[in-house]
């Protein structure tokens, strides 16, 4: 091998090494929410006049719970209603049942259905579900809300339940009989479930900008 060929080969090898070794800079979306309390960063999504967190809250509030079987950190933590009521970062809050209904109507739910209990909205729930993680029927994540099947924490049984099968998200609104309204999605149906649940259960939390 000539000196010129050897030098050229060495230069090419060095360039290749630099290309492989250089890490791509982290790209931050200016619309992301950065929680000043712990530095966690959350993507957000705007529906009409509302700006929602597009990921489950993962703030380590005292006695909140995290399922050790969660496959990724985006599944977030599970909160009792009392915890969820104070868990959102400054400038954000736990959405009321009425605020959920505003979002649901914006996404196409018929106004007549908004106040119903049980499954509503036809296939709108499929667009809110994540495109991975669901046991039987993944969502399309068409609305970029990315709800994973996190399940819940059953405080009566002291057990995590329904991972890969269900998603439960708090609202801030009383449902009567000591319960609070929540929103649910399931592996079996594409509607959005509205009902009451005991305040001591551990559910996921999404925050809405003030």
C-alpha atoms as a PDB file:
ATOM      1  CA  UNK A   1       0.000   0.000   0.000  1.00  0.00           C
ATOM      2  CA  UNK A   2       1.381   3.417  -0.964  1.00  0.00           C
ATOM      3  CA  UNK A   3       1.776   6.214   1.576  1.00  0.00           C
ATOM      4  CA  UNK A   4      -0.909   8.260  -0.225  1.00  0.00           C
ATOM      5  CA  UNK A   5      -3.418   5.377  -0.145  1.00  0.00           C
ATOM      6  CA  UNK A   6      -2.652   4.684   3.514  1.00  0.00           C
ATOM      7  CA  UNK A   7      -3.126   8.356   4.419  1.00  0.00           C
ATOM      8  CA  UNK A   8      -6.437   8.516   2.530  1.00  0.00           C
ATOM      9  CA  UNK A   9      -7.684   5.368   4.282  1.00  0.00           C
ATOM     10  CA  UNK A  10      -6.701   6.788   7.649  1.00  0.00           C
ATOM     11  CA  UNK A  11      -8.570  10.024   6.956  1.00  0.00           C
ATOM     12  CA  UNK A  12     -11.691   8.149   5.856  1.00  0.00           C
ATOM     13  CA  UNK A  13     -11.569   5.974   8.980  1.00  0.00           C
ATOM     14  CA  UNK A  14     -11.211   9.036  11.168  1.00  0.00           C
ATOM     15  CA  UNK A  15     -14.183  10.741   9.512  1.00  0.00           C
ATOM     16  CA  UNK A  16     -16.307   7.607   9.938  1.00  0.00           C
ATOM     17  CA  UNK A  17     -15.328   7.439  13.612  1.00  0.00           C
ATOM     18  CA  UNK A  18     -16.387  11.037  14.137  1.00  0.00           C
ATOM     19  CA  UNK A  19     -19.742  10.495  12.422  1.00  0.00           C
ATOM     20  CA  UNK A  20     -20.505   7.441  14.541  1.00  0.00           C
ATOM     21  CA  UNK A  21     -19.242   8.958  17.756  1.00  0.00           C
ATOM     22  CA  UNK A  22     -21.109  12.262  17.482  1.00  0.00           C
ATOM     23  CA  UNK A  23     -24.488  12.146  19.203  1.00  0.00           C
ATOM     24  CA  UNK A  24     -27.418  13.929  17.641  1.00  0.00           C
ATOM     25  CA  UNK A  25     -28.365  16.943  19.770  1.00  0.00           C
ATOM     26  CA  UNK A  26     -31.509  16.557  21.838  1.00  0.00           C
ATOM     27  CA  UNK A  27     -34.409  18.347  20.184  1.00  0.00           C
ATOM     28  CA  UNK A  28     -36.882  20.082  22.486  1.00  0.00           C
ATOM     29  CA  UNK A  29     -40.336  21.142  21.417  1.00  0.00           C
ATOM     30  CA  UNK A  30     -41.044  24.679  22.661  1.00  0.00           C
ATOM     31  CA  UNK A  31     -44.618  23.601  23.378  1.00  0.00           C
ATOM     32  CA  UNK A  32     -43.473  20.979  25.879  1.00  0.00           C
ATOM     33  CA  UNK A  33     -44.312  21.415  29.539  1.00  0.00           C
ATOM     34  CA  UNK A  34     -41.286  21.315  31.842  1.00  0.00           C
ATOM     35  CA  UNK A  35     -42.182  20.623  35.459  1.00  0.00           C
ATOM     36  CA  UNK A  36     -39.983  22.950  37.515  1.00  0.00           C
ATOM     37  CA  UNK A  37     -40.289  20.659  40.545  1.00  0.00           C
ATOM     38  CA  UNK A  38     -38.346  17.746  39.071  1.00  0.00           C
ATOM     39  CA  UNK A  39     -37.378  18.683  35.514  1.00  0.00           C
ATOM     40  CA  UNK A  40     -39.719  16.151  33.910  1.00  0.00           C
ATOM     41  CA  UNK A  41     -40.733  17.146  30.387  1.00  0.00           C
ATOM     42  CA  UNK A  42     -44.178  16.406  28.938  1.00  0.00           C
ATOM     43  CA  UNK A  43     -45.488  16.814  25.420  1.00  0.00           C
ATOM     44  CA  UNK A  44     -48.723  18.806  25.174  1.00  0.00           C
ATOM     45  CA  UNK A  45     -51.597  18.966  22.730  1.00  0.00           C
ATOM     46  CA  UNK A  46     -54.104  21.738  21.969  1.00  0.00           C
ATOM     47  CA  UNK A  47     -57.782  21.010  21.340  1.00  0.00           C
ATOM     48  CA  UNK A  48     -59.645  24.213  20.605  1.00  0.00           C
ATOM     49  CA  UNK A  49     -58.958  26.591  23.512  1.00  0.00           C
ATOM     50  CA  UNK A  50     -57.596  23.850  25.778  1.00  0.00           C
ATOM     51  CA  UNK A  51     -53.979  22.780  26.201  1.00  0.00           C
ATOM     52  CA  UNK A  52     -53.599  19.307  27.696  1.00  0.00           C
ATOM     53  CA  UNK A  53     -50.669  17.221  28.808  1.00  0.00           C
ATOM     54  CA  UNK A  54     -50.289  14.510  26.162  1.00  0.00           C
ATOM     55  CA  UNK A  55     -48.591  12.177  28.655  1.00  0.00           C
ATOM     56  CA  UNK A  56     -49.472  10.834  32.080  1.00  0.00           C
ATOM     57  CA  UNK A  57     -48.146  12.786  35.034  1.00  0.00           C
ATOM     58  CA  UNK A  58     -45.048  11.231  36.596  1.00  0.00           C
ATOM     59  CA  UNK A  59     -44.442  13.541  39.553  1.00  0.00           C
ATOM     60  CA  UNK A  60     -43.238  11.612  42.605  1.00  0.00           C
ATOM     61  CA  UNK A  61     -45.776  12.911  45.099  1.00  0.00           C
ATOM     62  CA  UNK A  62     -45.599  11.349  48.561  1.00  0.00           C
ATOM     63  CA  UNK A  63     -47.309   7.937  48.584  1.00  0.00           C
ATOM     64  CA  UNK A  64     -48.197   8.027  44.886  1.00  0.00           C
ATOM     65  CA  UNK A  65     -47.518   4.680  43.249  1.00  0.00           C
ATOM     66  CA  UNK A  66     -45.742   3.354  40.195  1.00  0.00           C
ATOM     67  CA  UNK A  67     -46.372  -0.121  38.850  1.00  0.00           C
ATOM     68  CA  UNK A  68     -43.001  -1.933  38.745  1.00  0.00           C
ATOM     69  CA  UNK A  69     -44.215  -3.793  35.655  1.00  0.00           C
ATOM     70  CA  UNK A  70     -44.688  -0.637  33.583  1.00  0.00           C
ATOM     71  CA  UNK A  71     -42.740  -1.158  30.352  1.00  0.00           C
ATOM     72  CA  UNK A  72     -41.833   2.536  29.901  1.00  0.00           C
ATOM     73  CA  UNK A  73     -41.705   5.654  32.090  1.00  0.00           C
ATOM     74  CA  UNK A  74     -44.445   7.341  30.012  1.00  0.00           C
ATOM     75  CA  UNK A  75     -46.985   5.141  31.813  1.00  0.00           C
ATOM     76  CA  UNK A  76     -46.551   7.543  34.718  1.00  0.00           C
ATOM     77  CA  UNK A  77     -47.578   7.244  38.333  1.00  0.00           C
ATOM     78  CA  UNK A  78     -50.929   6.405  39.939  1.00  0.00           C
ATOM     79  CA  UNK A  79     -52.578   8.834  42.359  1.00  0.00           C
ATOM     80  CA  UNK A  80     -55.490   8.802  44.770  1.00  0.00           C
ATOM     81  CA  UNK A  81     -58.030  11.547  44.154  1.00  0.00           C
ATOM     82  CA  UNK A  82     -56.630  13.588  47.031  1.00  0.00           C
ATOM     83  CA  UNK A  83     -53.130  13.326  45.551  1.00  0.00           C
ATOM     84  CA  UNK A  84     -54.261  14.053  41.992  1.00  0.00           C
ATOM     85  CA  UNK A  85     -56.022  17.194  43.203  1.00  0.00           C
ATOM     86  CA  UNK A  86     -52.669  18.757  44.155  1.00  0.00           C
ATOM     87  CA  UNK A  87     -50.267  16.918  41.844  1.00  0.00           C
ATOM     88  CA  UNK A  88     -50.310  19.141  38.749  1.00  0.00           C
ATOM     89  CA  UNK A  89     -47.499  21.678  38.302  1.00  0.00           C
ATOM     90  CA  UNK A  90     -48.008  25.410  38.761  1.00  0.00           C
ATOM     91  CA  UNK A  91     -50.170  26.883  35.990  1.00  0.00           C
ATOM     92  CA  UNK A  92     -51.930  23.555  35.423  1.00  0.00           C
ATOM     93  CA  UNK A  93     -54.800  21.756  37.147  1.00  0.00           C
ATOM     94  CA  UNK A  94     -56.735  18.502  37.302  1.00  0.00           C
ATOM     95  CA  UNK A  95     -59.489  18.878  34.665  1.00  0.00           C
ATOM     96  CA  UNK A  96     -63.117  18.832  35.704  1.00  0.00           C
ATOM     97  CA  UNK A  97     -65.715  16.532  34.192  1.00  0.00           C
ATOM     98  CA  UNK A  98     -67.047  19.540  32.247  1.00  0.00           C
ATOM     99  CA  UNK A  99     -63.575  20.268  30.841  1.00  0.00           C
ATOM    100  CA  UNK A 100     -63.275  16.668  29.696  1.00  0.00           C
ATOM    101  CA  UNK A 101     -66.641  17.058  27.968  1.00  0.00           C
ATOM    102  CA  UNK A 102     -65.416  20.168  26.143  1.00  0.00           C
ATOM    103  CA  UNK A 103     -62.488  18.157  24.829  1.00  0.00           C
ATOM    104  CA  UNK A 104     -64.683  15.194  23.889  1.00  0.00           C
ATOM    105  CA  UNK A 105     -67.108  17.389  21.970  1.00  0.00           C
ATOM    106  CA  UNK A 106     -64.201  19.058  20.166  1.00  0.00           C
ATOM    107  CA  UNK A 107     -63.059  15.588  19.052  1.00  0.00           C
ATOM    108  CA  UNK A 108     -66.492  14.781  17.656  1.00  0.00           C
ATOM    109  CA  UNK A 109     -68.651  13.385  20.454  1.00  0.00           C
ATOM    110  CA  UNK A 110     -72.344  14.203  20.047  1.00  0.00           C
ATOM    111  CA  UNK A 111     -73.513  16.755  22.613  1.00  0.00           C
ATOM    112  CA  UNK A 112     -76.371  14.439  23.616  1.00  0.00           C
ATOM    113  CA  UNK A 113     -73.895  11.788  24.782  1.00  0.00           C
ATOM    114  CA  UNK A 114     -71.631  14.006  26.860  1.00  0.00           C
ATOM    115  CA  UNK A 115     -73.474  13.570  30.164  1.00  0.00           C
ATOM    116  CA  UNK A 116     -74.164   9.846  29.747  1.00  0.00           C
ATOM    117  CA  UNK A 117     -72.531   7.260  31.970  1.00  0.00           C
ATOM    118  CA  UNK A 118     -70.873   4.245  30.419  1.00  0.00           C
ATOM    119  CA  UNK A 119     -69.295   4.083  26.973  1.00  0.00           C
ATOM    120  CA  UNK A 120     -69.860   7.108  24.762  1.00  0.00           C
ATOM    121  CA  UNK A 121     -68.470   8.626  21.612  1.00  0.00           C
ATOM    122  CA  UNK A 122     -68.456   5.686  19.217  1.00  0.00           C
ATOM    123  CA  UNK A 123     -64.841   5.111  18.163  1.00  0.00           C
ATOM    124  CA  UNK A 124     -63.386   8.383  19.489  1.00  0.00           C
ATOM    125  CA  UNK A 125     -61.588   6.485  22.241  1.00  0.00           C
ATOM    126  CA  UNK A 126     -59.513   4.645  19.648  1.00  0.00           C
ATOM    127  CA  UNK A 127     -58.010   7.955  18.581  1.00  0.00           C
ATOM    128  CA  UNK A 128     -57.015   8.722  22.183  1.00  0.00           C
ATOM    129  CA  UNK A 129     -55.426   5.326  22.861  1.00  0.00           C
ATOM    130  CA  UNK A 130     -51.734   4.727  22.280  1.00  0.00           C
ATOM    131  CA  UNK A 131     -50.744   2.703  19.242  1.00  0.00           C
ATOM    132  CA  UNK A 132     -48.819   0.209  21.403  1.00  0.00           C
ATOM    133  CA  UNK A 133     -49.228  -1.633  24.691  1.00  0.00           C
ATOM    134  CA  UNK A 134     -52.882  -2.702  24.557  1.00  0.00           C
ATOM    135  CA  UNK A 135     -53.567  -6.402  24.997  1.00  0.00           C
ATOM    136  CA  UNK A 136     -56.156  -6.916  22.244  1.00  0.00           C
ATOM    137  CA  UNK A 137     -56.800  -3.736  20.325  1.00  0.00           C
ATOM    138  CA  UNK A 138     -54.231  -0.948  20.097  1.00  0.00           C
ATOM    139  CA  UNK A 139     -55.428   2.550  19.398  1.00  0.00           C
ATOM    140  CA  UNK A 140     -54.611   4.770  16.449  1.00  0.00           C
ATOM    141  CA  UNK A 141     -53.414   7.707  18.594  1.00  0.00           C
ATOM    142  CA  UNK A 142     -55.015   9.886  15.919  1.00  0.00           C
ATOM    143  CA  UNK A 143     -55.518  12.706  18.433  1.00  0.00           C
ATOM    144  CA  UNK A 144     -51.949  12.412  19.793  1.00  0.00           C
ATOM    145  CA  UNK A 145     -53.208  12.018  23.358  1.00  0.00           C
ATOM    146  CA  UNK A 146     -51.297   8.763  23.799  1.00  0.00           C
ATOM    147  CA  UNK A 147     -53.246   7.024  26.558  1.00  0.00           C
ATOM    148  CA  UNK A 148     -51.461   3.830  27.614  1.00  0.00           C
ATOM    149  CA  UNK A 149     -53.194   0.853  29.306  1.00  0.00           C
ATOM    150  CA  UNK A 150     -51.770   1.610  32.743  1.00  0.00           C
ATOM    151  CA  UNK A 151     -54.557  -0.001  34.769  1.00  0.00           C
ATOM    152  CA  UNK A 152     -55.095   1.148  38.353  1.00  0.00           C
ATOM    153  CA  UNK A 153     -54.067   0.543  41.947  1.00  0.00           C
ATOM    154  CA  UNK A 154     -56.744  -1.233  43.987  1.00  0.00           C
ATOM    155  CA  UNK A 155     -56.329   0.098  47.513  1.00  0.00           C
ATOM    156  CA  UNK A 156     -58.726  -2.518  48.909  1.00  0.00           C
ATOM    157  CA  UNK A 157     -56.613  -5.405  47.616  1.00  0.00           C
ATOM    158  CA  UNK A 158     -53.291  -3.526  47.802  1.00  0.00           C
ATOM    159  CA  UNK A 159     -52.624  -4.603  44.219  1.00  0.00           C
ATOM    160  CA  UNK A 160     -51.960  -3.183  40.775  1.00  0.00           C
ATOM    161  CA  UNK A 161     -54.620  -4.347  38.327  1.00  0.00           C
ATOM    162  CA  UNK A 162     -55.503  -4.330  34.620  1.00  0.00           C
ATOM    163  CA  UNK A 163     -52.127  -3.354  33.177  1.00  0.00           C
ATOM    164  CA  UNK A 164     -52.339  -3.726  29.337  1.00  0.00           C
ATOM    165  CA  UNK A 165     -56.156  -3.874  29.549  1.00  0.00           C
ATOM    166  CA  UNK A 166     -57.530  -0.590  30.895  1.00  0.00           C
ATOM    167  CA  UNK A 167     -56.740   3.081  31.400  1.00  0.00           C
ATOM    168  CA  UNK A 168     -58.284   5.208  34.154  1.00  0.00           C
ATOM    169  CA  UNK A 169     -57.916   8.991  34.385  1.00  0.00           C
ATOM    170  CA  UNK A 170     -59.181  11.285  37.131  1.00  0.00           C
ATOM    171  CA  UNK A 171     -61.460  14.263  36.749  1.00  0.00           C
ATOM    172  CA  UNK A 172     -61.865  16.858  39.500  1.00  0.00           C
ATOM    173  CA  UNK A 173     -65.651  16.470  39.722  1.00  0.00           C
ATOM    174  CA  UNK A 174     -67.856  14.818  42.315  1.00  0.00           C
ATOM    175  CA  UNK A 175     -70.016  11.956  41.037  1.00  0.00           C
ATOM    176  CA  UNK A 176     -72.125  11.452  44.159  1.00  0.00           C
ATOM    177  CA  UNK A 177     -72.079   8.668  46.746  1.00  0.00           C
ATOM    178  CA  UNK A 178     -68.522   9.539  47.755  1.00  0.00           C
ATOM    179  CA  UNK A 179     -67.187   8.928  44.241  1.00  0.00           C
ATOM    180  CA  UNK A 180     -65.472  11.082  41.622  1.00  0.00           C
ATOM    181  CA  UNK A 181     -65.954  11.008  37.859  1.00  0.00           C
ATOM    182  CA  UNK A 182     -63.186   9.427  35.809  1.00  0.00           C
ATOM    183  CA  UNK A 183     -62.549   8.581  32.177  1.00  0.00           C
ATOM    184  CA  UNK A 184     -61.755   5.045  31.116  1.00  0.00           C
ATOM    185  CA  UNK A 185     -60.537   3.272  27.998  1.00  0.00           C
ATOM    186  CA  UNK A 186     -60.419  -0.473  27.498  1.00  0.00           C
ATOM    187  CA  UNK A 187     -58.863  -3.105  25.275  1.00  0.00           C
ATOM    188  CA  UNK A 188     -62.342  -4.315  24.277  1.00  0.00           C
ATOM    189  CA  UNK A 189     -64.128  -1.163  23.095  1.00  0.00           C
ATOM    190  CA  UNK A 190     -63.323   2.114  21.353  1.00  0.00           C
ATOM    191  CA  UNK A 191     -65.679   4.370  23.289  1.00  0.00           C
ATOM    192  CA  UNK A 192     -64.788   6.651  26.217  1.00  0.00           C
ATOM    193  CA  UNK A 193     -66.118   5.419  29.551  1.00  0.00           C
ATOM    194  CA  UNK A 194     -67.587   7.918  32.043  1.00  0.00           C
ATOM    195  CA  UNK A 195     -68.508   6.831  35.553  1.00  0.00           C
ATOM    196  CA  UNK A 196     -67.737   7.348  39.230  1.00  0.00           C
ATOM    197  CA  UNK A 197     -65.020   5.623  41.211  1.00  0.00           C
ATOM    198  CA  UNK A 198     -63.848   5.536  44.840  1.00  0.00           C
ATOM    199  CA  UNK A 199     -61.454   8.314  45.795  1.00  0.00           C
ATOM    200  CA  UNK A 200     -58.898   5.900  47.279  1.00  0.00           C
ATOM    201  CA  UNK A 201     -58.164   4.102  44.008  1.00  0.00           C
ATOM    202  CA  UNK A 202     -54.901   4.880  42.239  1.00  0.00           C
ATOM    203  CA  UNK A 203     -55.528   6.317  38.758  1.00  0.00           C
ATOM    204  CA  UNK A 204     -53.514   8.146  36.125  1.00  0.00           C
ATOM    205  CA  UNK A 205     -53.527  11.927  35.974  1.00  0.00           C
ATOM    206  CA  UNK A 206     -53.531  14.340  33.042  1.00  0.00           C
ATOM    207  CA  UNK A 207     -53.244  18.048  33.669  1.00  0.00           C
ATOM    208  CA  UNK A 208     -54.884  20.947  31.838  1.00  0.00           C
ATOM    209  CA  UNK A 209     -53.387  24.393  31.501  1.00  0.00           C
ATOM    210  CA  UNK A 210     -55.090  27.103  33.604  1.00  0.00           C
END
